[in-house]
Amino acid sequence: MSFYDISECRKDIKRFIDIHSLRPEINHWTIHGLVGTLVASLAPNLATNANGGSLRSLTALVSIFVESSRVDDVMKALSSLENVTDTYEVTGEFDIISVVSARDIHEFRDILKNRILRISGVKSTVTSIVLNPHNGFLH
């Protein structure tokens, strides 16, 4: 199995940046998401449990914009999702930050698209894929 060469990764990221400079109508968060998806797909999912089954090896921080009157309802709905390991109501730019775990980028996409974004009151999300936890609660 070969790993994605870092120089190829830099070229792909530069292509996304070039797309944004040529098409400024494309939201910079869209480009951010594309780069995050690219980076998350770089590392192969090699983790297995004692039975040979796949472990959840992708961790994402999902920052969520919520209708102000629906924060409690959204918190409750997020907390009931199996792949959401932590949920925090926060101050600042976002209303809620959730820690989501998945086997791979495909499962994460499904969780985001078909579960989180379908919760009534969720307006939009910004996702950061954890590349390498150095310390703290994700380590």
N, C-alpha and C. Protein backbone atom coordinates (compact mmCIF):
# COMPACT_ATOMS: atom_id res chain seq x y z
N MET A 1 0.85 -1.17 0.00
CA MET A 1 0.00 0.00 0.00
C MET A 1 0.90 1.24 0.00
N SER A 2 0.64 2.16 -0.87
CA SER A 2 1.44 3.37 -0.93
C SER A 2 0.68 4.53 -0.29
N PHE A 3 1.44 5.45 0.28
CA PHE A 3 0.84 6.63 0.89
C PHE A 3 0.87 7.78 -0.09
N TYR A 4 -0.04 8.67 0.09
CA TYR A 4 -0.16 9.87 -0.74
C TYR A 4 1.07 10.74 -0.51
N ASP A 5 1.79 11.05 -1.56
CA ASP A 5 3.00 11.86 -1.48
C ASP A 5 2.63 13.29 -1.10
N ILE A 6 3.34 13.86 -0.12
CA ILE A 6 3.03 15.20 0.36
C ILE A 6 3.15 16.24 -0.76
N SER A 7 4.06 16.04 -1.70
CA SER A 7 4.17 17.00 -2.81
C SER A 7 2.93 16.96 -3.69
N GLU A 8 2.34 15.77 -3.87
CA GLU A 8 1.09 15.65 -4.63
C GLU A 8 -0.04 16.33 -3.87
N CYS A 9 -0.05 16.18 -2.55
CA CYS A 9 -1.06 16.83 -1.73
C CYS A 9 -0.97 18.35 -1.90
N ARG A 10 0.25 18.88 -1.85
CA ARG A 10 0.43 20.33 -2.02
C ARG A 10 -0.07 20.79 -3.39
N LYS A 11 0.18 19.99 -4.42
CA LYS A 11 -0.30 20.35 -5.76
C LYS A 11 -1.83 20.38 -5.80
N ASP A 12 -2.47 19.37 -5.17
CA ASP A 12 -3.93 19.32 -5.16
C ASP A 12 -4.52 20.50 -4.38
N ILE A 13 -3.91 20.84 -3.25
CA ILE A 13 -4.39 21.98 -2.47
C ILE A 13 -4.22 23.26 -3.28
N LYS A 14 -3.09 23.40 -3.98
CA LYS A 14 -2.88 24.58 -4.82
C LYS A 14 -3.95 24.65 -5.92
N ARG A 15 -4.33 23.51 -6.47
CA ARG A 15 -5.40 23.50 -7.49
C ARG A 15 -6.71 24.04 -6.91
N PHE A 16 -7.04 23.65 -5.68
CA PHE A 16 -8.26 24.16 -5.04
C PHE A 16 -8.16 25.67 -4.84
N ILE A 17 -7.00 26.15 -4.41
CA ILE A 17 -6.81 27.59 -4.21
C ILE A 17 -6.92 28.32 -5.54
N ASP A 18 -6.34 27.75 -6.60
CA ASP A 18 -6.44 28.35 -7.92
C ASP A 18 -7.89 28.42 -8.40
N ILE A 19 -8.65 27.37 -8.12
CA ILE A 19 -10.07 27.37 -8.49
C ILE A 19 -10.76 28.54 -7.81
N HIS A 20 -10.46 28.75 -6.53
CA HIS A 20 -11.09 29.83 -5.79
C HIS A 20 -10.70 31.20 -6.35
N SER A 21 -9.44 31.36 -6.76
CA SER A 21 -9.02 32.65 -7.31
C SER A 21 -9.64 32.91 -8.69
N LEU A 22 -9.87 31.84 -9.45
CA LEU A 22 -10.48 31.99 -10.78
C LEU A 22 -12.00 32.13 -10.69
N ARG A 23 -12.58 31.56 -9.66
CA ARG A 23 -14.04 31.58 -9.49
C ARG A 23 -14.37 32.13 -8.11
N PRO A 24 -14.23 33.44 -7.91
CA PRO A 24 -14.43 34.01 -6.57
C PRO A 24 -15.84 33.83 -6.02
N GLU A 25 -16.80 33.49 -6.88
CA GLU A 25 -18.16 33.26 -6.38
C GLU A 25 -18.25 31.97 -5.56
N ILE A 26 -17.22 31.12 -5.66
CA ILE A 26 -17.20 29.90 -4.86
C ILE A 26 -16.80 30.30 -3.44
N ASN A 27 -17.64 30.01 -2.48
CA ASN A 27 -17.43 30.35 -1.09
C ASN A 27 -16.11 29.74 -0.59
N HIS A 28 -15.33 30.52 0.19
CA HIS A 28 -14.05 29.99 0.68
C HIS A 28 -14.26 28.81 1.62
N TRP A 29 -15.43 28.71 2.27
CA TRP A 29 -15.69 27.55 3.12
C TRP A 29 -15.87 26.29 2.28
N THR A 30 -16.36 26.43 1.06
CA THR A 30 -16.47 25.28 0.16
C THR A 30 -15.08 24.76 -0.16
N ILE A 31 -14.16 25.67 -0.48
CA ILE A 31 -12.77 25.26 -0.75
C ILE A 31 -12.16 24.64 0.50
N HIS A 32 -12.41 25.25 1.66
CA HIS A 32 -11.91 24.71 2.93
C HIS A 32 -12.40 23.27 3.12
N GLY A 33 -13.67 23.04 2.83
CA GLY A 33 -14.23 21.70 2.96
C GLY A 33 -13.62 20.71 1.99
N LEU A 34 -13.38 21.15 0.75
CA LEU A 34 -12.74 20.28 -0.24
C LEU A 34 -11.33 19.89 0.20
N VAL A 35 -10.58 20.85 0.71
CA VAL A 35 -9.22 20.56 1.18
C VAL A 35 -9.29 19.60 2.37
N GLY A 36 -10.23 19.84 3.29
CA GLY A 36 -10.39 18.95 4.43
C GLY A 36 -10.71 17.53 4.01
N THR A 37 -11.59 17.40 3.02
CA THR A 37 -11.95 16.08 2.51
C THR A 37 -10.75 15.41 1.86
N LEU A 38 -9.98 16.18 1.10
CA LEU A 38 -8.77 15.64 0.47
C LEU A 38 -7.79 15.14 1.52
N VAL A 39 -7.53 15.96 2.52
CA VAL A 39 -6.56 15.59 3.54
C VAL A 39 -7.05 14.37 4.31
N ALA A 40 -8.34 14.32 4.63
CA ALA A 40 -8.88 13.19 5.38
C ALA A 40 -8.80 11.89 4.59
N SER A 41 -8.82 11.99 3.29
CA SER A 41 -8.77 10.77 2.47
C SER A 41 -7.34 10.27 2.25
N LEU A 42 -6.36 11.02 2.73
CA LEU A 42 -4.97 10.64 2.49
C LEU A 42 -4.54 9.40 3.26
N ALA A 43 -4.91 9.33 4.53
CA ALA A 43 -4.45 8.24 5.37
C ALA A 43 -5.36 7.04 5.22
N PRO A 44 -4.82 5.87 4.94
CA PRO A 44 -5.66 4.68 4.83
C PRO A 44 -6.20 4.29 6.20
N ASN A 45 -7.37 3.69 6.22
CA ASN A 45 -8.00 3.26 7.46
C ASN A 45 -7.45 1.88 7.81
N LEU A 46 -6.41 1.84 8.65
CA LEU A 46 -5.75 0.59 8.98
C LEU A 46 -6.13 0.05 10.36
N ALA A 47 -6.91 0.81 11.12
CA ALA A 47 -7.24 0.40 12.48
C ALA A 47 -8.26 -0.72 12.47
N THR A 48 -8.02 -1.74 13.29
CA THR A 48 -8.98 -2.83 13.45
C THR A 48 -9.10 -3.17 14.92
N ASN A 49 -10.24 -3.73 15.29
CA ASN A 49 -10.42 -4.15 16.67
C ASN A 49 -9.96 -5.60 16.81
N ALA A 50 -10.15 -6.19 17.99
CA ALA A 50 -9.68 -7.55 18.26
C ALA A 50 -10.32 -8.58 17.35
N ASN A 51 -11.52 -8.30 16.85
CA ASN A 51 -12.21 -9.24 15.96
C ASN A 51 -11.92 -8.98 14.49
N GLY A 52 -11.01 -8.05 14.20
CA GLY A 52 -10.68 -7.75 12.83
C GLY A 52 -11.61 -6.72 12.19
N GLY A 53 -12.58 -6.21 12.96
CA GLY A 53 -13.51 -5.22 12.44
C GLY A 53 -12.87 -3.83 12.45
N SER A 54 -13.41 -2.96 11.64
CA SER A 54 -12.87 -1.62 11.53
C SER A 54 -13.26 -0.76 12.72
N LEU A 55 -12.32 0.01 13.22
CA LEU A 55 -12.58 0.99 14.27
C LEU A 55 -12.88 2.33 13.63
N ARG A 56 -13.47 3.23 14.39
CA ARG A 56 -13.70 4.59 13.89
C ARG A 56 -12.38 5.34 13.98
N SER A 57 -11.78 5.60 12.83
CA SER A 57 -10.46 6.21 12.82
C SER A 57 -10.47 7.65 12.33
N LEU A 58 -11.62 8.16 11.91
CA LEU A 58 -11.71 9.55 11.49
C LEU A 58 -12.44 10.32 12.58
N THR A 59 -11.85 11.43 12.99
CA THR A 59 -12.49 12.31 13.97
C THR A 59 -12.63 13.68 13.35
N ALA A 60 -13.80 14.27 13.51
CA ALA A 60 -14.06 15.60 12.95
C ALA A 60 -14.69 16.49 14.01
N LEU A 61 -14.33 17.76 13.96
CA LEU A 61 -14.98 18.77 14.79
C LEU A 61 -15.96 19.49 13.88
N VAL A 62 -17.23 19.37 14.18
CA VAL A 62 -18.28 19.96 13.35
C VAL A 62 -18.82 21.19 14.09
N SER A 63 -18.54 22.36 13.53
CA SER A 63 -19.04 23.61 14.08
C SER A 63 -20.37 23.90 13.42
N ILE A 64 -21.39 24.20 14.23
CA ILE A 64 -22.76 24.23 13.72
C ILE A 64 -23.42 25.58 14.01
N PHE A 65 -23.99 26.18 12.98
CA PHE A 65 -24.82 27.37 13.11
C PHE A 65 -26.25 26.89 13.30
N VAL A 66 -26.93 27.41 14.33
CA VAL A 66 -28.27 26.93 14.69
C VAL A 66 -29.22 28.12 14.83
N GLU A 67 -30.49 27.91 14.48
CA GLU A 67 -31.51 28.91 14.76
C GLU A 67 -31.53 29.10 16.27
N SER A 68 -31.46 30.35 16.73
CA SER A 68 -31.28 30.63 18.16
C SER A 68 -32.35 29.99 19.04
N SER A 69 -33.56 29.90 18.56
CA SER A 69 -34.64 29.32 19.37
C SER A 69 -34.58 27.80 19.43
N ARG A 70 -33.69 27.17 18.65
CA ARG A 70 -33.66 25.70 18.54
C ARG A 70 -32.41 25.08 19.14
N VAL A 71 -31.57 25.85 19.82
CA VAL A 71 -30.28 25.33 20.32
C VAL A 71 -30.48 24.10 21.21
N ASP A 72 -31.39 24.17 22.17
CA ASP A 72 -31.59 23.03 23.08
C ASP A 72 -32.07 21.79 22.33
N ASP A 73 -32.98 21.98 21.37
CA ASP A 73 -33.48 20.84 20.59
C ASP A 73 -32.37 20.21 19.76
N VAL A 74 -31.53 21.06 19.15
CA VAL A 74 -30.43 20.55 18.32
C VAL A 74 -29.42 19.82 19.20
N MET A 75 -29.11 20.39 20.38
CA MET A 75 -28.18 19.72 21.30
C MET A 75 -28.69 18.32 21.66
N LYS A 76 -29.96 18.22 21.95
CA LYS A 76 -30.56 16.92 22.32
C LYS A 76 -30.49 15.94 21.14
N ALA A 77 -30.82 16.41 19.94
CA ALA A 77 -30.79 15.54 18.76
C ALA A 77 -29.36 15.08 18.46
N LEU A 78 -28.40 15.98 18.56
CA LEU A 78 -27.00 15.61 18.30
C LEU A 78 -26.52 14.58 19.32
N SER A 79 -26.88 14.79 20.58
CA SER A 79 -26.44 13.88 21.64
C SER A 79 -26.97 12.47 21.46
N SER A 80 -28.06 12.33 20.73
CA SER A 80 -28.64 11.00 20.52
C SER A 80 -28.03 10.25 19.33
N LEU A 81 -27.20 10.94 18.53
CA LEU A 81 -26.58 10.28 17.38
C LEU A 81 -25.40 9.43 17.84
N GLU A 82 -25.35 8.20 17.35
CA GLU A 82 -24.32 7.24 17.76
C GLU A 82 -22.89 7.74 17.51
N ASN A 83 -22.66 8.38 16.38
CA ASN A 83 -21.31 8.79 16.01
C ASN A 83 -20.87 10.12 16.61
N VAL A 84 -21.77 10.80 17.29
CA VAL A 84 -21.42 12.07 17.94
C VAL A 84 -20.95 11.74 19.35
N THR A 85 -19.64 11.91 19.59
CA THR A 85 -19.06 11.52 20.87
C THR A 85 -19.14 12.62 21.91
N ASP A 86 -19.12 13.89 21.50
CA ASP A 86 -19.22 15.03 22.41
C ASP A 86 -19.96 16.15 21.70
N THR A 87 -20.70 16.93 22.49
CA THR A 87 -21.41 18.08 21.95
C THR A 87 -21.31 19.22 22.95
N TYR A 88 -20.94 20.41 22.44
CA TYR A 88 -20.74 21.58 23.30
C TYR A 88 -21.49 22.77 22.75
N GLU A 89 -22.26 23.44 23.61
CA GLU A 89 -22.81 24.74 23.27
C GLU A 89 -21.71 25.75 23.56
N VAL A 90 -21.39 26.60 22.59
CA VAL A 90 -20.23 27.48 22.72
C VAL A 90 -20.59 28.94 22.42
N THR A 91 -19.70 29.83 22.82
CA THR A 91 -19.81 31.23 22.44
C THR A 91 -18.93 31.44 21.22
N GLY A 92 -19.11 32.56 20.55
CA GLY A 92 -18.27 32.86 19.39
C GLY A 92 -19.04 32.74 18.10
N GLU A 93 -18.33 32.42 17.06
CA GLU A 93 -18.90 32.40 15.71
C GLU A 93 -19.98 31.33 15.54
N PHE A 94 -19.80 30.18 16.19
CA PHE A 94 -20.73 29.06 16.04
C PHE A 94 -21.58 28.93 17.29
N ASP A 95 -22.63 28.15 17.20
CA ASP A 95 -23.51 27.92 18.35
C ASP A 95 -23.18 26.61 19.07
N ILE A 96 -22.80 25.60 18.29
CA ILE A 96 -22.52 24.26 18.82
C ILE A 96 -21.29 23.71 18.12
N ILE A 97 -20.47 22.99 18.87
CA ILE A 97 -19.38 22.22 18.27
C ILE A 97 -19.55 20.78 18.72
N SER A 98 -19.56 19.86 17.76
CA SER A 98 -19.69 18.44 18.05
C SER A 98 -18.45 17.70 17.58
N VAL A 99 -18.08 16.68 18.33
CA VAL A 99 -17.00 15.79 17.93
C VAL A 99 -17.67 14.55 17.33
N VAL A 100 -17.32 14.27 16.08
CA VAL A 100 -17.95 13.16 15.36
C VAL A 100 -16.87 12.16 14.98
N SER A 101 -17.14 10.89 15.18
CA SER A 101 -16.20 9.85 14.77
C SER A 101 -16.85 8.98 13.69
N ALA A 102 -16.00 8.50 12.78
CA ALA A 102 -16.48 7.65 11.68
C ALA A 102 -15.37 6.71 11.26
N ARG A 103 -15.75 5.65 10.56
CA ARG A 103 -14.75 4.70 10.04
C ARG A 103 -13.90 5.33 8.96
N ASP A 104 -14.51 6.16 8.11
CA ASP A 104 -13.80 6.75 6.98
C ASP A 104 -14.55 7.98 6.51
N ILE A 105 -14.02 8.64 5.50
CA ILE A 105 -14.62 9.88 5.01
C ILE A 105 -16.00 9.65 4.41
N HIS A 106 -16.24 8.48 3.87
CA HIS A 106 -17.55 8.17 3.28
C HIS A 106 -18.62 8.06 4.36
N GLU A 107 -18.30 7.38 5.46
CA GLU A 107 -19.26 7.30 6.55
C GLU A 107 -19.48 8.70 7.15
N PHE A 108 -18.41 9.47 7.30
CA PHE A 108 -18.56 10.82 7.85
C PHE A 108 -19.48 11.66 6.96
N ARG A 109 -19.29 11.60 5.66
CA ARG A 109 -20.14 12.35 4.74
C ARG A 109 -21.61 11.99 4.93
N ASP A 110 -21.87 10.70 5.09
CA ASP A 110 -23.24 10.24 5.31
C ASP A 110 -23.81 10.79 6.61
N ILE A 111 -23.03 10.77 7.67
CA ILE A 111 -23.47 11.29 8.97
C ILE A 111 -23.78 12.78 8.85
N LEU A 112 -22.89 13.53 8.22
CA LEU A 112 -23.08 14.96 8.09
C LEU A 112 -24.30 15.28 7.22
N LYS A 113 -24.33 14.67 6.04
CA LYS A 113 -25.38 14.99 5.05
C LYS A 113 -26.76 14.46 5.45
N ASN A 114 -26.81 13.24 5.93
CA ASN A 114 -28.10 12.59 6.16
C ASN A 114 -28.58 12.60 7.60
N ARG A 115 -27.75 13.04 8.52
CA ARG A 115 -28.19 13.09 9.92
C ARG A 115 -28.07 14.50 10.48
N ILE A 116 -26.86 15.02 10.57
CA ILE A 116 -26.66 16.32 11.23
C ILE A 116 -27.38 17.44 10.48
N LEU A 117 -27.17 17.54 9.18
CA LEU A 117 -27.77 18.64 8.42
C LEU A 117 -29.28 18.52 8.27
N ARG A 118 -29.84 17.37 8.63
CA ARG A 118 -31.30 17.19 8.57
C ARG A 118 -31.99 17.47 9.90
N ILE A 119 -31.22 17.79 10.92
CA ILE A 119 -31.82 18.12 12.21
C ILE A 119 -32.49 19.49 12.09
N SER A 120 -33.74 19.56 12.50
CA SER A 120 -34.49 20.81 12.42
C SER A 120 -33.82 21.86 13.31
N GLY A 121 -33.51 23.00 12.72
CA GLY A 121 -32.85 24.09 13.43
C GLY A 121 -31.41 24.28 13.03
N VAL A 122 -30.79 23.26 12.42
CA VAL A 122 -29.41 23.39 11.94
C VAL A 122 -29.44 24.20 10.65
N LYS A 123 -28.70 25.32 10.64
CA LYS A 123 -28.65 26.17 9.45
C LYS A 123 -27.49 25.79 8.54
N SER A 124 -26.30 25.58 9.11
CA SER A 124 -25.14 25.19 8.31
C SER A 124 -24.04 24.69 9.23
N THR A 125 -23.01 24.10 8.62
CA THR A 125 -21.89 23.57 9.40
C THR A 125 -20.57 23.93 8.74
N VAL A 126 -19.52 23.90 9.54
CA VAL A 126 -18.15 24.01 9.06
C VAL A 126 -17.39 22.88 9.75
N THR A 127 -16.70 22.06 8.97
CA THR A 127 -16.05 20.88 9.51
C THR A 127 -14.53 20.99 9.46
N SER A 128 -13.90 20.55 10.54
CA SER A 128 -12.44 20.42 10.59
C SER A 128 -12.14 18.96 10.89
N ILE A 129 -11.39 18.31 10.01
CA ILE A 129 -10.99 16.91 10.21
C ILE A 129 -9.73 16.92 11.07
N VAL A 130 -9.71 16.10 12.11
CA VAL A 130 -8.53 15.98 12.97
C VAL A 130 -7.49 15.14 12.23
N LEU A 131 -6.32 15.72 12.01
CA LEU A 131 -5.26 15.00 11.31
C LEU A 131 -4.38 14.21 12.28
N ASN A 132 -4.02 14.85 13.40
CA ASN A 132 -3.11 14.20 14.34
C ASN A 132 -3.30 14.83 15.72
N PRO A 133 -4.04 14.17 16.62
CA PRO A 133 -4.21 14.74 17.95
C PRO A 133 -2.90 14.63 18.74
N HIS A 134 -2.43 15.75 19.25
CA HIS A 134 -1.15 15.74 19.98
C HIS A 134 -1.36 15.53 21.47
N ASN A 135 -2.43 16.07 22.00
CA ASN A 135 -2.79 15.85 23.41
C ASN A 135 -4.23 16.28 23.60
N GLY A 136 -4.73 16.19 24.81
CA GLY A 136 -6.09 16.61 25.07
C GLY A 136 -7.08 15.46 24.95
N PHE A 137 -8.36 15.82 24.94
CA PHE A 137 -9.40 14.82 24.98
C PHE A 137 -9.51 13.98 23.71
N LEU A 138 -8.93 14.42 22.60
CA LEU A 138 -8.99 13.63 21.37
C LEU A 138 -7.80 12.68 21.23
N HIS A 139 -6.84 12.78 22.13
CA HIS A 139 -5.61 11.99 22.04
C HIS A 139 -5.83 10.58 22.50
